[in-house]
Structures are given as C-alpha cells and as structure tokens.
C-alpha atoms as a PDB file:
ATOM      1  CA  MET A   1    -147.820-160.274 -49.113  1.00  0.00           C
ATOM      2  CA  GLN A   2    -150.749-162.565 -49.793  1.00  0.00           C
ATOM      3  CA  LEU A   3    -152.419-164.582 -47.062  1.00  0.00           C
ATOM      4  CA  SER A   4    -153.753-168.050 -47.603  1.00  0.00           C
ATOM      5  CA  PRO A   5    -157.554-168.451 -47.612  1.00  0.00           C
ATOM      6  CA  GLY A   6    -157.274-170.375 -44.334  1.00  0.00           C
ATOM      7  CA  ALA A   7    -155.371-167.526 -42.669  1.00  0.00           C
ATOM      8  CA  VAL A   8    -157.913-164.996 -43.896  1.00  0.00           C
ATOM      9  CA  GLN A   9    -160.818-167.102 -42.618  1.00  0.00           C
ATOM     10  CA  LYS A  10    -159.090-167.586 -39.242  1.00  0.00           C
ATOM     11  CA  TYR A  11    -158.787-163.806 -38.914  1.00  0.00           C
ATOM     12  CA  LEU A  12    -162.384-163.219 -40.009  1.00  0.00           C
ATOM     13  CA  ASN A  13    -163.624-165.730 -37.439  1.00  0.00           C
ATOM     14  CA  LYS A  14    -162.087-163.523 -34.755  1.00  0.00           C
ATOM     15  CA  VAL A  15    -164.096-160.526 -35.927  1.00  0.00           C
ATOM     16  CA  SER A  16    -167.485-160.550 -34.250  1.00  0.00           C
ATOM     17  CA  GLY A  17    -170.784-160.536 -36.149  1.00  0.00           C
ATOM     18  CA  PRO A  18    -172.013-157.315 -34.491  1.00  0.00           C
ATOM     19  CA  LEU A  19    -168.842-155.525 -35.595  1.00  0.00           C
ATOM     20  CA  LEU A  20    -169.298-156.717 -39.172  1.00  0.00           C
ATOM     21  CA  ASP A  21    -172.940-155.607 -39.004  1.00  0.00           C
ATOM     22  CA  CYS A  22    -171.693-152.013 -38.613  1.00  0.00           C
ATOM     23  CA  ILE A  23    -170.008-152.143 -42.013  1.00  0.00           C
ATOM     24  CA  ASP A  24    -172.406-151.716 -44.931  1.00  0.00           C
ATOM     25  CA  LEU A  25    -170.279-153.081 -47.758  1.00  0.00           C
ATOM     26  CA  HIS A  26    -167.803-155.952 -47.635  1.00  0.00           C
ATOM     27  CA  VAL A  27    -166.000-156.461 -50.905  1.00  0.00           C
ATOM     28  CA  GLU A  28    -163.338-159.032 -51.576  1.00  0.00           C
ATOM     29  CA  VAL A  29    -160.819-157.707 -54.059  1.00  0.00           C
ATOM     30  CA  THR A  30    -159.234-160.454 -56.120  1.00  0.00           C
ATOM     31  CA  PRO A  31    -156.292-160.126 -58.495  1.00  0.00           C
ATOM     32  CA  VAL A  32    -157.209-159.152 -62.044  1.00  0.00           C
ATOM     33  CA  VAL A  33    -156.209-161.743 -64.632  1.00  0.00           C
ATOM     34  CA  PHE A  34    -154.037-160.611 -67.540  1.00  0.00           C
ATOM     35  CA  SER A  35    -156.710-161.305 -70.156  1.00  0.00           C
ATOM     36  CA  GLU A  36    -158.962-158.733 -68.480  1.00  0.00           C
ATOM     37  CA  LEU A  37    -156.168-156.186 -68.230  1.00  0.00           C
ATOM     38  CA  SER A  38    -155.292-156.537 -71.905  1.00  0.00           C
ATOM     39  CA  SER A  39    -158.890-156.674 -73.129  1.00  0.00           C
ATOM     40  CA  GLN A  40    -159.973-154.115 -75.707  1.00  0.00           C
ATOM     41  CA  GLN A  41    -163.527-154.115 -74.329  1.00  0.00           C
ATOM     42  CA  GLN A  42    -164.573-150.665 -73.195  1.00  0.00           C
ATOM     43  CA  SER A  43    -165.574-150.303 -69.557  1.00  0.00           C
ATOM     44  CA  GLU A  44    -167.748-147.587 -68.113  1.00  0.00           C
ATOM     45  CA  ASN A  45    -166.011-144.216 -68.103  1.00  0.00           C
ATOM     46  CA  SER A  46    -165.214-142.693 -64.681  1.00  0.00           C
ATOM     47  CA  SER A  47    -166.901-139.422 -65.596  1.00  0.00           C
ATOM     48  CA  VAL A  48    -170.136-141.292 -66.397  1.00  0.00           C
ATOM     49  CA  ILE A  49    -169.969-143.059 -63.037  1.00  0.00           C
ATOM     50  CA  GLN A  50    -169.230-139.763 -61.290  1.00  0.00           C
ATOM     51  CA  GLU A  51    -172.282-138.149 -62.879  1.00  0.00           C
ATOM     52  CA  ARG A  52    -174.492-141.049 -61.764  1.00  0.00           C
ATOM     53  CA  VAL A  53    -173.184-140.731 -58.191  1.00  0.00           C
ATOM     54  CA  ILE A  54    -173.781-136.967 -58.174  1.00  0.00           C
ATOM     55  CA  LYS A  55    -177.361-137.486 -59.372  1.00  0.00           C
ATOM     56  CA  ALA A  56    -177.953-140.186 -56.724  1.00  0.00           C
ATOM     57  CA  ARG A  57    -176.653-137.825 -54.012  1.00  0.00           C
ATOM     58  CA  GLU A  58    -179.007-135.111 -55.315  1.00  0.00           C
ATOM     59  CA  ILE A  59    -181.933-137.562 -55.138  1.00  0.00           C
ATOM     60  CA  GLN A  60    -181.017-138.366 -51.547  1.00  0.00           C
ATOM     61  CA  ALA A  61    -180.547-134.696 -50.594  1.00  0.00           C
ATOM     62  CA  GLU A  62    -184.051-133.995 -51.911  1.00  0.00           C
ATOM     63  CA  ARG A  63    -185.464-137.050 -50.119  1.00  0.00           C
ATOM     64  CA  TYR A  64    -184.062-135.981 -46.735  1.00  0.00           C
ATOM     65  CA  LYS A  65    -184.369-132.192 -47.017  1.00  0.00           C
ATOM     66  CA  GLU A  66    -187.021-132.179 -44.279  1.00  0.00           C
ATOM     67  CA  HIS A  67    -184.861-134.315 -41.961  1.00  0.00           C
ATOM     68  CA  PRO A  68    -182.034-132.262 -40.393  1.00  0.00           C
ATOM     69  CA  GLY A  69    -178.741-134.114 -40.124  1.00  0.00           C
ATOM     70  CA  ILE A  70    -179.696-136.802 -42.641  1.00  0.00           C
ATOM     71  CA  TYR A  71    -178.132-136.539 -46.080  1.00  0.00           C
ATOM     72  CA  ALA A  72    -177.839-140.124 -47.303  1.00  0.00           C
ATOM     73  CA  ASN A  73    -179.680-143.445 -47.213  1.00  0.00           C
ATOM     74  CA  ALA A  74    -177.152-144.921 -44.780  1.00  0.00           C
ATOM     75  CA  GLN A  75    -178.280-142.413 -42.141  1.00  0.00           C
ATOM     76  CA  MET A  76    -182.007-143.148 -42.205  1.00  0.00           C
ATOM     77  CA  SER A  77    -183.712-144.439 -39.068  1.00  0.00           C
ATOM     78  CA  SER A  78    -185.603-147.725 -38.841  1.00  0.00           C
ATOM     79  CA  LYS A  79    -188.877-145.806 -39.063  1.00  0.00           C
ATOM     80  CA  GLN A  80    -187.724-143.992 -42.212  1.00  0.00           C
ATOM     81  CA  LEU A  81    -186.469-147.287 -43.614  1.00  0.00           C
ATOM     82  CA  ARG A  82    -189.997-148.740 -43.481  1.00  0.00           C
ATOM     83  CA  GLN A  83    -191.424-145.643 -45.218  1.00  0.00           C
ATOM     84  CA  ILE A  84    -188.724-145.128 -47.851  1.00  0.00           C
ATOM     85  CA  CYS A  85    -187.632-148.670 -48.690  1.00  0.00           C
ATOM     86  CA  VAL A  86    -190.961-150.129 -49.749  1.00  0.00           C
ATOM     87  CA  ILE A  87    -190.512-153.277 -51.821  1.00  0.00           C
ATOM     88  CA  SER A  88    -192.842-155.389 -53.949  1.00  0.00           C
ATOM     89  CA  ASN A  89    -194.075-158.850 -52.975  1.00  0.00           C
ATOM     90  CA  VAL A  90    -191.569-160.356 -55.411  1.00  0.00           C
ATOM     91  CA  GLY A  91    -188.775-158.345 -53.797  1.00  0.00           C
ATOM     92  CA  GLU A  92    -189.953-159.273 -50.328  1.00  0.00           C
ATOM     93  CA  ASN A  93    -189.933-162.984 -51.191  1.00  0.00           C
ATOM     94  CA  LEU A  94    -186.455-162.692 -52.711  1.00  0.00           C
ATOM     95  CA  LEU A  95    -185.163-160.897 -49.625  1.00  0.00           C
ATOM     96  CA  LYS A  96    -186.786-163.382 -47.257  1.00  0.00           C
ATOM     97  CA  LYS A  97    -185.288-166.398 -49.031  1.00  0.00           C
ATOM     98  CA  ALA A  98    -181.841-164.834 -49.191  1.00  0.00           C
ATOM     99  CA  MET A  99    -181.921-163.807 -45.523  1.00  0.00           C
ATOM    100  CA  GLU A 100    -182.964-167.310 -44.453  1.00  0.00           C
ATOM    101  CA  ARG A 101    -180.507-169.092 -46.731  1.00  0.00           C
ATOM    102  CA  LEU A 102    -177.590-166.904 -45.616  1.00  0.00           C
ATOM    103  CA  ASN A 103    -178.734-166.725 -41.983  1.00  0.00           C
ATOM    104  CA  LEU A 104    -178.294-162.947 -41.834  1.00  0.00           C
ATOM    105  CA  SER A 105    -179.161-160.730 -38.865  1.00  0.00           C
ATOM    106  CA  ALA A 106    -181.842-158.059 -38.467  1.00  0.00           C
ATOM    107  CA  ARG A 107    -179.103-155.429 -38.818  1.00  0.00           C
ATOM    108  CA  ALA A 108    -178.107-157.027 -42.107  1.00  0.00           C
ATOM    109  CA  TYR A 109    -181.752-156.781 -43.255  1.00  0.00           C
ATOM    110  CA  ASP A 110    -181.777-153.023 -42.637  1.00  0.00           C
ATOM    111  CA  ARG A 111    -178.380-152.611 -44.257  1.00  0.00           C
ATOM    112  CA  ILE A 112    -179.468-154.533 -47.370  1.00  0.00           C
ATOM    113  CA  LEU A 113    -182.548-152.337 -47.734  1.00  0.00           C
ATOM    114  CA  LYS A 114    -180.457-149.156 -47.397  1.00  0.00           C
ATOM    115  CA  VAL A 115    -177.886-150.348 -49.927  1.00  0.00           C
ATOM    116  CA  SER A 116    -180.707-151.454 -52.257  1.00  0.00           C
ATOM    117  CA  ARG A 117    -182.248-147.987 -52.013  1.00  0.00           C
ATOM    118  CA  THR A 118    -178.874-146.489 -52.949  1.00  0.00           C
ATOM    119  CA  ILE A 119    -178.490-148.870 -55.894  1.00  0.00           C
ATOM    120  CA  ALA A 120    -181.981-147.866 -57.063  1.00  0.00           C
ATOM    121  CA  ASP A 121    -180.971-144.189 -56.719  1.00  0.00           C
ATOM    122  CA  LEU A 122    -177.860-144.835 -58.827  1.00  0.00           C
ATOM    123  CA  ALA A 123    -180.157-146.339 -61.464  1.00  0.00           C
ATOM    124  CA  ALA A 124    -182.479-143.297 -61.145  1.00  0.00           C
ATOM    125  CA  SER A 125    -185.299-145.654 -60.163  1.00  0.00           C
ATOM    126  CA  GLU A 126    -188.076-144.500 -57.864  1.00  0.00           C
ATOM    127  CA  ASP A 127    -188.809-148.098 -56.902  1.00  0.00           C
ATOM    128  CA  ILE A 128    -186.504-150.677 -55.363  1.00  0.00           C
ATOM    129  CA  ARG A 129    -186.684-153.507 -57.888  1.00  0.00           C
ATOM    130  CA  PRO A 130    -185.699-157.154 -57.292  1.00  0.00           C
ATOM    131  CA  GLU A 131    -182.383-156.627 -59.091  1.00  0.00           C
ATOM    132  CA  HIS A 132    -181.594-153.764 -56.702  1.00  0.00           C
ATOM    133  CA  LEU A 133    -182.328-156.083 -53.770  1.00  0.00           C
ATOM    134  CA  ALA A 134    -180.166-158.886 -55.144  1.00  0.00           C
ATOM    135  CA  GLU A 135    -177.039-156.794 -55.688  1.00  0.00           C
ATOM    136  CA  PRO A 136    -176.156-156.060 -52.014  1.00  0.00           C
ATOM    137  CA  PHE A 137    -175.732-159.770 -51.338  1.00  0.00           C
ATOM    138  CA  HIS A 138    -172.585-159.581 -53.474  1.00  0.00           C
ATOM    139  CA  TYR A 139    -171.237-157.029 -50.975  1.00  0.00           C
ATOM    140  CA  THR A 140    -171.855-158.964 -47.764  1.00  0.00           C
ATOM    141  CA  SER A 141    -169.377-161.780 -48.249  1.00  0.00           C
ATOM    142  CA  LEU A 142    -167.790-161.267 -44.828  1.00  0.00           C
ATOM    143  CA  ASP A 143    -171.146-161.925 -43.171  1.00  0.00           C
ATOM    144  CA  ARG A 144    -170.945-165.556 -44.260  1.00  0.00           C
ATOM    145  CA  ALA A 145    -168.552-168.210 -43.053  1.00  0.00           C
ATOM    146  CA  GLY A 146    -166.271-169.743 -45.696  1.00  0.00           C
END
C-alpha cells in the first residue's frame, strides 16, 4: 500500500517537532527504478561497509573509554559535544547557513554535529570536515515541511 504525498504530509504534520528532534536520522526510502536494479555498475560491498562501521565503533570506544556508560557519539553530553565536535570556520559558516535556511532547532544542531562526527569516524577522519557537516542534512527530511 502506497500513500499519496499529501496523506504522508498530513500524517507528518501531526507528529510534533520535539518528537522528531529525538530521532537522529530521518530517511525517505523511495522505490528503486529498474535501470538501477539492472545496472552492471558495482556498488560498495557489504563486507567493506561492515569493516568501516567496526573501525568507526572502535574509534568511538577509544574516544569514550574514560566516560562510563558512553560508547557512541549519539550518547555524548552537550559539554562533550563542544569539546569533541570542533569544526572549522568554513564548517561553522556552512552549518549556520543551513540551520537558518532550514529553520532547525537547537536539538537539531546538536544532532547534526553528532551525526557529522560519526560520518567523520566512518571516513577515519580526525576532523569534522565541511562534507561531513553537509551530509546529515540529507537525513533530516522530516524536520522540514513539504
């Protein structure tokens, strides 16, 4: 059963902003077109992705080893966020413009930094680069109307 876009939006409008702010990633899954299914182009192998995720989890375990009960970026406090998720001036400007343009909340700001830190970990990058900051905006589609 597929709902019309209007029905989906009507439902989403009933879901409050604070509730959506508790969910880190919002991903709309669209049907895959036949040409993509039948393509001969190689995609990234699952075992390669798995290895990258394992390494990112190891990076996070090392990062939080002195913080009992914290094992992943999603669990860090606001204070830790400011210490761990340091971004460049370019990244800060990008984040500021995106936050203003999309009218996102303070909770969304923290969430975007945490997800950006995780994306940087997956890329084995010590720094959160602008491209790591830009990617989470693709995963916050439910934060925006329409």
